[in-house]
Amino acid sequence: MNYSRIKFCDIADGEGVRTSLFVSGCTHYCDECFNPETWNFANGDVFTAAVEDEILESLSKPFCDGLTVLGGEPMEPQNQRALVDFLERVKRECPDKNIWCYTGDIYEDLLDSTSPRHTEVTNRLLGTIDVLVDGPYQKENHDITLRFRGSSNQRVIDVPASRAAGRVVLWHDDPEFETHTM
């Protein structure tokens, strides 16, 4: 797998201060995507053990709240296979940090064993993710007042609660931010 870039001290892609890994490769091709250069699977650099170690080092900082994986598309089947061992390592070595993931896929499709987006590692991968922002960006539903998502069709999902309940459970933001309106 290749990655496009890593942002250290990112405050835009999840709650708190984060390290954000932008993977390469996406077949959704959302109109007005904010990262079209990441559609190419060959974009950027190879994701190596040294890169993993650099990310884990950044997560060890007390001010860093967690890791965000986005792209590109982390849920492309080949990216799932490349990420699963790394995200399991993050959970083992940084158990107090949370993992957010942005996908253009729909959560229910990832669970569906007949879907081409579901692979032999999807359930393991979802087991590492705390918050999943799902759904493709839709420019006709663009809304700048939304926190952590670009269009109103996208959902911010509490993955552990959803897996326990057997249905989608939305993540709840700090009440001060949930009631914010423009």
N, C-alpha and C. Protein backbone atom coordinates (compact mmCIF):
# COMPACT_ATOMS: atom_id res chain seq x y z
N MET A 1 0.85 -1.18 0.00
CA MET A 1 0.00 0.00 0.00
C MET A 1 0.89 1.24 0.00
N ASN A 2 0.42 2.25 -0.68
CA ASN A 2 1.08 3.55 -0.64
C ASN A 2 0.25 4.51 0.20
N TYR A 3 0.91 5.55 0.66
CA TYR A 3 0.20 6.61 1.38
C TYR A 3 0.58 7.94 0.75
N SER A 4 -0.36 8.85 0.76
CA SER A 4 -0.16 10.15 0.15
C SER A 4 0.60 11.09 1.07
N ARG A 5 0.18 11.12 2.35
CA ARG A 5 0.86 11.97 3.33
C ARG A 5 0.43 11.58 4.73
N ILE A 6 1.17 12.11 5.68
CA ILE A 6 0.84 11.97 7.09
C ILE A 6 0.81 13.37 7.67
N LYS A 7 -0.24 13.69 8.40
CA LYS A 7 -0.32 14.98 9.09
C LYS A 7 -0.17 14.69 10.58
N PHE A 8 0.81 15.32 11.17
CA PHE A 8 0.99 15.24 12.61
C PHE A 8 0.34 16.48 13.20
N CYS A 9 -0.28 16.35 14.34
CA CYS A 9 -0.97 17.46 15.00
C CYS A 9 -2.13 17.99 14.16
N ASP A 10 -2.90 17.10 13.57
CA ASP A 10 -4.08 17.44 12.77
C ASP A 10 -5.26 17.67 13.71
N ILE A 11 -6.00 18.75 13.49
CA ILE A 11 -7.18 19.02 14.33
C ILE A 11 -8.47 19.03 13.51
N ALA A 12 -8.40 18.65 12.24
CA ALA A 12 -9.58 18.72 11.37
C ALA A 12 -10.26 17.37 11.16
N ASP A 13 -9.55 16.29 11.34
CA ASP A 13 -10.05 14.98 10.92
C ASP A 13 -10.35 14.05 12.09
N GLY A 14 -11.13 14.55 13.01
CA GLY A 14 -11.50 13.78 14.19
C GLY A 14 -11.34 14.64 15.43
N GLU A 15 -11.79 14.08 16.53
CA GLU A 15 -11.80 14.82 17.79
C GLU A 15 -10.40 14.95 18.37
N GLY A 16 -10.06 16.16 18.80
CA GLY A 16 -8.78 16.41 19.45
C GLY A 16 -7.64 16.56 18.47
N VAL A 17 -6.43 16.39 18.98
CA VAL A 17 -5.21 16.47 18.16
C VAL A 17 -4.89 15.05 17.71
N ARG A 18 -4.63 14.89 16.42
CA ARG A 18 -4.50 13.55 15.86
C ARG A 18 -3.31 13.45 14.92
N THR A 19 -2.90 12.22 14.69
CA THR A 19 -2.03 11.91 13.56
C THR A 19 -2.94 11.35 12.49
N SER A 20 -2.86 11.89 11.28
CA SER A 20 -3.74 11.46 10.19
C SER A 20 -2.93 10.86 9.06
N LEU A 21 -3.29 9.64 8.70
CA LEU A 21 -2.65 8.89 7.62
C LEU A 21 -3.58 8.89 6.42
N PHE A 22 -3.12 9.49 5.33
CA PHE A 22 -3.87 9.54 4.08
C PHE A 22 -3.36 8.44 3.17
N VAL A 23 -4.14 7.37 3.03
CA VAL A 23 -3.72 6.26 2.17
C VAL A 23 -4.00 6.60 0.71
N SER A 24 -3.33 5.92 -0.18
CA SER A 24 -3.53 6.12 -1.62
C SER A 24 -4.44 5.04 -2.18
N GLY A 25 -5.22 5.43 -3.16
CA GLY A 25 -6.10 4.51 -3.85
C GLY A 25 -7.55 4.70 -3.48
N CYS A 26 -8.36 5.04 -4.49
CA CYS A 26 -9.80 5.17 -4.27
C CYS A 26 -10.52 4.99 -5.60
N THR A 27 -11.56 4.18 -5.60
CA THR A 27 -12.35 3.97 -6.81
C THR A 27 -13.73 4.61 -6.71
N HIS A 28 -13.98 5.44 -5.70
CA HIS A 28 -15.28 6.11 -5.58
C HIS A 28 -15.37 7.32 -6.52
N TYR A 29 -14.27 8.05 -6.68
CA TYR A 29 -14.21 9.22 -7.57
C TYR A 29 -15.33 10.22 -7.29
N CYS A 30 -15.50 10.60 -6.02
CA CYS A 30 -16.55 11.55 -5.65
C CYS A 30 -16.34 12.89 -6.37
N ASP A 31 -17.41 13.43 -6.91
CA ASP A 31 -17.36 14.72 -7.57
C ASP A 31 -16.96 15.78 -6.55
N GLU A 32 -15.98 16.59 -6.87
CA GLU A 32 -15.42 17.63 -6.01
C GLU A 32 -14.74 17.07 -4.76
N CYS A 33 -14.17 15.90 -4.89
CA CYS A 33 -13.37 15.30 -3.81
C CYS A 33 -12.28 16.29 -3.39
N PHE A 34 -12.01 16.38 -2.09
CA PHE A 34 -10.99 17.32 -1.62
C PHE A 34 -9.58 16.75 -1.78
N ASN A 35 -9.46 15.51 -2.19
CA ASN A 35 -8.16 14.85 -2.30
C ASN A 35 -8.04 13.98 -3.56
N PRO A 36 -8.35 14.47 -4.75
CA PRO A 36 -8.35 13.60 -5.93
C PRO A 36 -6.99 12.99 -6.27
N GLU A 37 -5.92 13.62 -5.82
CA GLU A 37 -4.59 13.04 -6.10
C GLU A 37 -4.41 11.69 -5.42
N THR A 38 -5.21 11.41 -4.40
CA THR A 38 -5.08 10.14 -3.69
C THR A 38 -5.86 9.02 -4.35
N TRP A 39 -6.57 9.29 -5.43
CA TRP A 39 -7.29 8.22 -6.12
C TRP A 39 -6.33 7.19 -6.70
N ASN A 40 -5.16 7.63 -7.12
CA ASN A 40 -4.16 6.75 -7.74
C ASN A 40 -3.49 5.89 -6.66
N PHE A 41 -3.56 4.58 -6.81
CA PHE A 41 -2.96 3.67 -5.84
C PHE A 41 -1.45 3.80 -5.75
N ALA A 42 -0.82 4.34 -6.81
CA ALA A 42 0.64 4.49 -6.83
C ALA A 42 1.09 5.85 -6.29
N ASN A 43 0.16 6.70 -5.93
CA ASN A 43 0.50 8.03 -5.43
C ASN A 43 1.27 7.93 -4.11
N GLY A 44 2.23 8.82 -3.94
CA GLY A 44 2.92 8.93 -2.65
C GLY A 44 4.04 7.94 -2.46
N ASP A 45 4.19 7.47 -1.23
CA ASP A 45 5.29 6.60 -0.84
C ASP A 45 4.76 5.27 -0.32
N VAL A 46 5.64 4.29 -0.29
CA VAL A 46 5.28 2.97 0.22
C VAL A 46 5.14 3.03 1.73
N PHE A 47 4.10 2.41 2.23
CA PHE A 47 3.84 2.33 3.68
C PHE A 47 4.70 1.21 4.24
N THR A 48 5.76 1.58 4.96
CA THR A 48 6.74 0.62 5.45
C THR A 48 6.68 0.48 6.97
N ALA A 49 7.44 -0.46 7.48
CA ALA A 49 7.54 -0.63 8.94
C ALA A 49 8.11 0.63 9.59
N ALA A 50 9.03 1.30 8.92
CA ALA A 50 9.59 2.55 9.46
C ALA A 50 8.52 3.63 9.57
N VAL A 51 7.62 3.69 8.60
CA VAL A 51 6.52 4.65 8.64
C VAL A 51 5.58 4.30 9.78
N GLU A 52 5.28 3.01 9.94
CA GLU A 52 4.45 2.56 11.08
C GLU A 52 5.06 3.04 12.40
N ASP A 53 6.37 2.84 12.54
CA ASP A 53 7.05 3.23 13.77
C ASP A 53 6.98 4.74 14.00
N GLU A 54 7.10 5.52 12.94
CA GLU A 54 7.01 6.97 13.05
C GLU A 54 5.62 7.39 13.53
N ILE A 55 4.60 6.75 13.00
CA ILE A 55 3.22 7.06 13.43
C ILE A 55 3.03 6.68 14.89
N LEU A 56 3.51 5.50 15.28
CA LEU A 56 3.37 5.07 16.67
C LEU A 56 4.11 6.01 17.61
N GLU A 57 5.26 6.49 17.20
CA GLU A 57 6.00 7.46 18.02
C GLU A 57 5.17 8.72 18.20
N SER A 58 4.52 9.19 17.14
CA SER A 58 3.70 10.40 17.25
C SER A 58 2.51 10.18 18.18
N LEU A 59 1.97 8.96 18.19
CA LEU A 59 0.83 8.65 19.06
C LEU A 59 1.23 8.57 20.53
N SER A 60 2.52 8.40 20.80
CA SER A 60 2.98 8.30 22.19
C SER A 60 2.99 9.65 22.90
N LYS A 61 2.85 10.72 22.15
CA LYS A 61 2.84 12.06 22.75
C LYS A 61 1.56 12.25 23.56
N PRO A 62 1.66 12.81 24.76
CA PRO A 62 0.46 12.94 25.60
C PRO A 62 -0.63 13.84 25.01
N PHE A 63 -0.26 14.78 24.16
CA PHE A 63 -1.25 15.69 23.56
C PHE A 63 -1.98 15.07 22.37
N CYS A 64 -1.50 13.94 21.88
CA CYS A 64 -2.11 13.30 20.71
C CYS A 64 -3.25 12.39 21.17
N ASP A 65 -4.45 12.64 20.67
CA ASP A 65 -5.63 11.88 21.08
C ASP A 65 -5.82 10.59 20.30
N GLY A 66 -5.27 10.50 19.09
CA GLY A 66 -5.46 9.27 18.35
C GLY A 66 -5.03 9.38 16.90
N LEU A 67 -5.40 8.34 16.17
CA LEU A 67 -5.04 8.18 14.76
C LEU A 67 -6.29 8.28 13.91
N THR A 68 -6.18 8.98 12.79
CA THR A 68 -7.24 9.01 11.78
C THR A 68 -6.67 8.43 10.50
N VAL A 69 -7.44 7.54 9.88
CA VAL A 69 -7.06 6.94 8.60
C VAL A 69 -8.09 7.38 7.57
N LEU A 70 -7.61 7.99 6.51
CA LEU A 70 -8.47 8.48 5.45
C LEU A 70 -7.69 8.44 4.15
N GLY A 71 -8.16 9.09 3.14
CA GLY A 71 -7.41 8.94 1.90
C GLY A 71 -7.81 9.91 0.84
N GLY A 72 -7.80 9.28 -0.31
CA GLY A 72 -7.89 7.89 -0.74
C GLY A 72 -9.04 7.19 -0.01
N GLU A 73 -8.96 5.90 -0.03
CA GLU A 73 -10.01 5.07 0.56
C GLU A 73 -9.42 3.91 1.36
N PRO A 74 -9.44 4.03 2.70
CA PRO A 74 -8.92 2.94 3.52
C PRO A 74 -9.66 1.61 3.32
N MET A 75 -10.93 1.67 2.90
CA MET A 75 -11.71 0.44 2.77
C MET A 75 -11.65 -0.18 1.38
N GLU A 76 -10.78 0.34 0.52
CA GLU A 76 -10.50 -0.42 -0.71
C GLU A 76 -9.98 -1.78 -0.26
N PRO A 77 -10.41 -2.87 -0.87
CA PRO A 77 -9.99 -4.19 -0.39
C PRO A 77 -8.50 -4.34 -0.17
N GLN A 78 -7.66 -3.88 -1.10
CA GLN A 78 -6.21 -4.04 -0.92
C GLN A 78 -5.69 -3.17 0.22
N ASN A 79 -6.33 -2.01 0.47
CA ASN A 79 -5.91 -1.17 1.58
C ASN A 79 -6.33 -1.78 2.91
N GLN A 80 -7.50 -2.41 2.96
CA GLN A 80 -7.92 -3.10 4.18
C GLN A 80 -6.86 -4.12 4.59
N ARG A 81 -6.43 -4.91 3.61
CA ARG A 81 -5.44 -5.96 3.89
C ARG A 81 -4.11 -5.38 4.36
N ALA A 82 -3.75 -4.22 3.84
CA ALA A 82 -2.49 -3.59 4.23
C ALA A 82 -2.59 -2.90 5.58
N LEU A 83 -3.77 -2.46 5.96
CA LEU A 83 -3.94 -1.69 7.21
C LEU A 83 -4.24 -2.53 8.43
N VAL A 84 -4.84 -3.69 8.27
CA VAL A 84 -5.39 -4.41 9.42
C VAL A 84 -4.33 -4.74 10.47
N ASP A 85 -3.19 -5.26 10.08
CA ASP A 85 -2.16 -5.60 11.07
C ASP A 85 -1.63 -4.35 11.76
N PHE A 86 -1.47 -3.27 10.99
CA PHE A 86 -0.99 -2.02 11.58
C PHE A 86 -1.98 -1.47 12.60
N LEU A 87 -3.27 -1.44 12.25
CA LEU A 87 -4.25 -0.88 13.19
C LEU A 87 -4.40 -1.77 14.42
N GLU A 88 -4.25 -3.06 14.26
CA GLU A 88 -4.25 -3.94 15.44
C GLU A 88 -3.03 -3.64 16.31
N ARG A 89 -1.90 -3.34 15.68
CA ARG A 89 -0.70 -2.96 16.43
C ARG A 89 -0.93 -1.66 17.19
N VAL A 90 -1.56 -0.68 16.54
CA VAL A 90 -1.87 0.59 17.21
C VAL A 90 -2.72 0.32 18.45
N LYS A 91 -3.74 -0.51 18.31
CA LYS A 91 -4.61 -0.82 19.46
C LYS A 91 -3.83 -1.49 20.59
N ARG A 92 -2.91 -2.36 20.24
CA ARG A 92 -2.10 -3.06 21.26
C ARG A 92 -1.15 -2.12 21.96
N GLU A 93 -0.42 -1.33 21.18
CA GLU A 93 0.65 -0.50 21.73
C GLU A 93 0.19 0.86 22.24
N CYS A 94 -0.97 1.30 21.81
CA CYS A 94 -1.51 2.61 22.24
C CYS A 94 -2.97 2.45 22.63
N PRO A 95 -3.27 1.64 23.64
CA PRO A 95 -4.67 1.33 23.96
C PRO A 95 -5.48 2.54 24.43
N ASP A 96 -4.82 3.60 24.83
CA ASP A 96 -5.55 4.79 25.29
C ASP A 96 -5.84 5.77 24.15
N LYS A 97 -5.43 5.43 22.93
CA LYS A 97 -5.68 6.30 21.77
C LYS A 97 -6.82 5.72 20.95
N ASN A 98 -7.63 6.60 20.37
CA ASN A 98 -8.73 6.11 19.54
C ASN A 98 -8.37 6.17 18.06
N ILE A 99 -9.09 5.40 17.28
CA ILE A 99 -8.87 5.35 15.83
C ILE A 99 -10.15 5.78 15.13
N TRP A 100 -10.02 6.79 14.28
CA TRP A 100 -11.09 7.24 13.41
C TRP A 100 -10.76 6.81 12.00
N CYS A 101 -11.77 6.52 11.20
CA CYS A 101 -11.59 6.16 9.80
C CYS A 101 -12.67 6.84 8.97
N TYR A 102 -12.26 7.42 7.85
CA TYR A 102 -13.18 8.02 6.89
C TYR A 102 -13.27 7.11 5.68
N THR A 103 -14.50 6.79 5.27
CA THR A 103 -14.70 5.94 4.10
C THR A 103 -15.86 6.46 3.26
N GLY A 104 -15.74 6.30 1.97
CA GLY A 104 -16.85 6.58 1.07
C GLY A 104 -17.83 5.43 1.01
N ASP A 105 -17.49 4.34 1.65
CA ASP A 105 -18.38 3.19 1.70
C ASP A 105 -19.46 3.40 2.76
N ILE A 106 -20.48 2.58 2.70
CA ILE A 106 -21.56 2.58 3.69
C ILE A 106 -21.27 1.45 4.68
N TYR A 107 -21.40 1.74 5.95
CA TYR A 107 -21.11 0.77 7.02
C TYR A 107 -21.79 -0.57 6.76
N GLU A 108 -23.08 -0.55 6.43
CA GLU A 108 -23.81 -1.79 6.21
C GLU A 108 -23.22 -2.61 5.06
N ASP A 109 -22.70 -1.94 4.03
CA ASP A 109 -22.07 -2.66 2.91
C ASP A 109 -20.77 -3.33 3.35
N LEU A 110 -20.05 -2.69 4.26
CA LEU A 110 -18.82 -3.29 4.76
C LEU A 110 -19.12 -4.55 5.56
N LEU A 111 -20.26 -4.60 6.23
CA LEU A 111 -20.65 -5.78 7.01
C LEU A 111 -21.20 -6.91 6.15
N ASP A 112 -21.73 -6.58 4.98
CA ASP A 112 -22.39 -7.54 4.10
C ASP A 112 -21.37 -8.45 3.43
N SER A 113 -21.38 -9.72 3.80
CA SER A 113 -20.38 -10.66 3.28
C SER A 113 -20.50 -10.87 1.77
N THR A 114 -21.60 -10.46 1.15
CA THR A 114 -21.74 -10.58 -0.31
C THR A 114 -21.27 -9.33 -1.04
N SER A 115 -20.93 -8.28 -0.31
CA SER A 115 -20.48 -7.03 -0.91
C SER A 115 -19.03 -7.16 -1.36
N PRO A 116 -18.68 -6.60 -2.51
CA PRO A 116 -17.27 -6.62 -2.94
C PRO A 116 -16.37 -5.80 -2.02
N ARG A 117 -16.93 -4.96 -1.15
CA ARG A 117 -16.14 -4.15 -0.22
C ARG A 117 -15.83 -4.92 1.06
N HIS A 118 -16.51 -6.04 1.28
CA HIS A 118 -16.26 -6.88 2.46
C HIS A 118 -15.19 -7.89 2.08
N THR A 119 -14.12 -7.96 2.89
CA THR A 119 -13.04 -8.90 2.62
C THR A 119 -12.87 -9.83 3.82
N GLU A 120 -11.90 -10.70 3.71
CA GLU A 120 -11.61 -11.62 4.82
C GLU A 120 -11.06 -10.90 6.05
N VAL A 121 -10.68 -9.63 5.93
CA VAL A 121 -10.14 -8.88 7.07
C VAL A 121 -11.04 -7.73 7.52
N THR A 122 -12.17 -7.52 6.87
CA THR A 122 -13.03 -6.37 7.19
C THR A 122 -13.47 -6.38 8.64
N ASN A 123 -13.92 -7.51 9.15
CA ASN A 123 -14.39 -7.56 10.54
C ASN A 123 -13.26 -7.27 11.51
N ARG A 124 -12.07 -7.78 11.25
CA ARG A 124 -10.91 -7.47 12.10
C ARG A 124 -10.62 -5.97 12.05
N LEU A 125 -10.65 -5.40 10.86
CA LEU A 125 -10.37 -3.98 10.70
C LEU A 125 -11.40 -3.13 11.44
N LEU A 126 -12.67 -3.45 11.27
CA LEU A 126 -13.71 -2.70 11.98
C LEU A 126 -13.56 -2.85 13.49
N GLY A 127 -13.01 -3.96 13.94
CA GLY A 127 -12.77 -4.17 15.36
C GLY A 127 -11.73 -3.23 15.95
N THR A 128 -10.95 -2.57 15.11
CA THR A 128 -9.94 -1.62 15.59
C THR A 128 -10.43 -0.18 15.56
N ILE A 129 -11.51 0.07 14.85
CA ILE A 129 -11.97 1.43 14.60
C ILE A 129 -12.99 1.85 15.66
N ASP A 130 -12.75 3.01 16.25
CA ASP A 130 -13.67 3.56 17.24
C ASP A 130 -14.77 4.39 16.60
N VAL A 131 -14.41 5.21 15.62
CA VAL A 131 -15.37 6.07 14.95
C VAL A 131 -15.17 5.95 13.45
N LEU A 132 -16.26 5.67 12.74
CA LEU A 132 -16.24 5.55 11.29
C LEU A 132 -17.13 6.63 10.70
N VAL A 133 -16.56 7.47 9.85
CA VAL A 133 -17.35 8.44 9.10
C VAL A 133 -17.60 7.79 7.76
N ASP A 134 -18.87 7.45 7.49
CA ASP A 134 -19.16 6.67 6.28
C ASP A 134 -19.96 7.48 5.27
N GLY A 135 -19.94 6.98 4.05
CA GLY A 135 -20.71 7.56 2.95
C GLY A 135 -19.87 8.43 2.05
N PRO A 136 -20.21 8.44 0.78
CA PRO A 136 -19.46 9.27 -0.17
C PRO A 136 -19.76 10.75 0.03
N TYR A 137 -18.79 11.58 -0.26
CA TYR A 137 -19.05 13.02 -0.27
C TYR A 137 -20.02 13.31 -1.41
N GLN A 138 -21.07 14.05 -1.13
CA GLN A 138 -22.04 14.45 -2.15
C GLN A 138 -22.14 15.96 -2.17
N LYS A 139 -21.65 16.56 -3.26
CA LYS A 139 -21.59 18.03 -3.30
C LYS A 139 -22.97 18.66 -3.15
N GLU A 140 -24.04 17.98 -3.61
CA GLU A 140 -25.38 18.55 -3.46
C GLU A 140 -25.85 18.56 -2.01
N ASN A 141 -25.17 17.79 -1.15
CA ASN A 141 -25.50 17.77 0.28
C ASN A 141 -24.41 18.42 1.13
N HIS A 142 -23.53 19.19 0.48
CA HIS A 142 -22.45 19.87 1.18
C HIS A 142 -23.03 20.81 2.24
N ASP A 143 -22.42 20.79 3.42
CA ASP A 143 -22.92 21.63 4.52
C ASP A 143 -21.73 21.99 5.42
N ILE A 144 -21.32 23.25 5.40
CA ILE A 144 -20.15 23.67 6.17
C ILE A 144 -20.40 23.69 7.68
N THR A 145 -21.66 23.55 8.10
CA THR A 145 -21.94 23.56 9.54
C THR A 145 -21.73 22.19 10.18
N LEU A 146 -21.51 21.17 9.40
CA LEU A 146 -21.34 19.82 9.94
C LEU A 146 -19.94 19.64 10.48
N ARG A 147 -19.84 19.02 11.63
CA ARG A 147 -18.54 18.74 12.22
C ARG A 147 -18.08 17.35 11.80
N PHE A 148 -16.86 17.27 11.32
CA PHE A 148 -16.19 16.02 10.95
C PHE A 148 -16.78 15.34 9.72
N ARG A 149 -17.55 16.03 8.93
CA ARG A 149 -18.05 15.47 7.68
C ARG A 149 -18.36 16.60 6.73
N GLY A 150 -18.37 16.29 5.45
CA GLY A 150 -18.55 17.33 4.45
C GLY A 150 -19.94 17.43 3.86
N SER A 151 -20.70 16.34 3.92
CA SER A 151 -22.05 16.36 3.36
C SER A 151 -23.01 15.65 4.30
N SER A 152 -24.28 16.06 4.25
CA SER A 152 -25.26 15.60 5.24
C SER A 152 -25.62 14.12 5.12
N ASN A 153 -25.30 13.47 4.02
CA ASN A 153 -25.55 12.04 3.89
C ASN A 153 -24.55 11.20 4.69
N GLN A 154 -23.44 11.78 5.07
CA GLN A 154 -22.41 11.05 5.80
C GLN A 154 -22.79 10.92 7.26
N ARG A 155 -22.40 9.79 7.85
CA ARG A 155 -22.71 9.54 9.26
C ARG A 155 -21.42 9.40 10.05
N VAL A 156 -21.46 9.80 11.30
CA VAL A 156 -20.34 9.61 12.22
C VAL A 156 -20.79 8.51 13.18
N ILE A 157 -20.19 7.33 13.02
CA ILE A 157 -20.68 6.11 13.66
C ILE A 157 -19.76 5.68 14.79
N ASP A 158 -20.36 5.35 15.93
CA ASP A 158 -19.65 4.75 17.05
C ASP A 158 -19.58 3.26 16.74
N VAL A 159 -18.43 2.80 16.27
CA VAL A 159 -18.32 1.43 15.79
C VAL A 159 -18.45 0.39 16.91
N PRO A 160 -17.75 0.53 18.05
CA PRO A 160 -17.95 -0.48 19.10
C PRO A 160 -19.41 -0.59 19.55
N ALA A 161 -20.10 0.54 19.72
CA ALA A 161 -21.50 0.51 20.13
C ALA A 161 -22.37 -0.12 19.04
N SER A 162 -22.06 0.17 17.79
CA SER A 162 -22.82 -0.40 16.67
C SER A 162 -22.64 -1.91 16.59
N ARG A 163 -21.41 -2.36 16.77
CA ARG A 163 -21.15 -3.80 16.72
C ARG A 163 -21.87 -4.51 17.87
N ALA A 164 -21.90 -3.90 19.04
CA ALA A 164 -22.56 -4.50 20.20
C ALA A 164 -24.09 -4.52 20.02
N ALA A 165 -24.64 -3.47 19.42
CA ALA A 165 -26.08 -3.36 19.26
C ALA A 165 -26.60 -4.09 18.03
N GLY A 166 -25.73 -4.39 17.07
CA GLY A 166 -26.17 -5.02 15.83
C GLY A 166 -26.91 -4.06 14.91
N ARG A 167 -26.72 -2.77 15.13
CA ARG A 167 -27.31 -1.72 14.29
C ARG A 167 -26.43 -0.48 14.41
N VAL A 168 -26.61 0.46 13.51
CA VAL A 168 -25.81 1.68 13.54
C VAL A 168 -26.17 2.52 14.76
N VAL A 169 -25.14 2.88 15.51
CA VAL A 169 -25.27 3.80 16.64
C VAL A 169 -24.38 4.99 16.31
N LEU A 170 -24.97 6.15 16.25
CA LEU A 170 -24.20 7.34 15.91
C LEU A 170 -23.33 7.78 17.08
N TRP A 171 -22.16 8.31 16.74
CA TRP A 171 -21.23 8.87 17.72
C TRP A 171 -21.80 10.20 18.18
N HIS A 172 -21.64 10.49 19.46
CA HIS A 172 -22.09 11.77 20.00
C HIS A 172 -20.91 12.63 20.38
N ASP A 173 -20.92 13.81 19.86
CA ASP A 173 -19.90 14.81 20.10
C ASP A 173 -20.11 15.42 21.49
N ASP A 174 -19.16 16.19 21.92
CA ASP A 174 -19.30 16.99 23.13
C ASP A 174 -20.60 17.79 23.00
N PRO A 175 -21.45 17.80 24.04
CA PRO A 175 -22.74 18.51 23.94
C PRO A 175 -22.62 19.96 23.52
N GLU A 176 -21.54 20.61 23.90
CA GLU A 176 -21.34 22.01 23.50
C GLU A 176 -21.26 22.14 21.98
N PHE A 177 -20.64 21.16 21.33
CA PHE A 177 -20.50 21.22 19.87
C PHE A 177 -21.73 20.66 19.17
N GLU A 178 -22.41 19.68 19.78
CA GLU A 178 -23.59 19.10 19.15
C GLU A 178 -24.72 20.12 18.99
N THR A 179 -24.79 21.07 19.89
CA THR A 179 -25.87 22.05 19.82
C THR A 179 -25.50 23.30 19.03
N HIS A 180 -24.28 23.34 18.54
CA HIS A 180 -23.82 24.52 17.78
C HIS A 180 -24.58 24.64 16.47
N THR A 181 -25.08 25.83 16.19
CA THR A 181 -25.73 26.11 14.92
C THR A 181 -25.15 27.38 14.35
N MET A 182 -25.29 27.53 13.06
CA MET A 182 -24.80 28.75 12.41
C MET A 182 -25.97 29.54 11.90
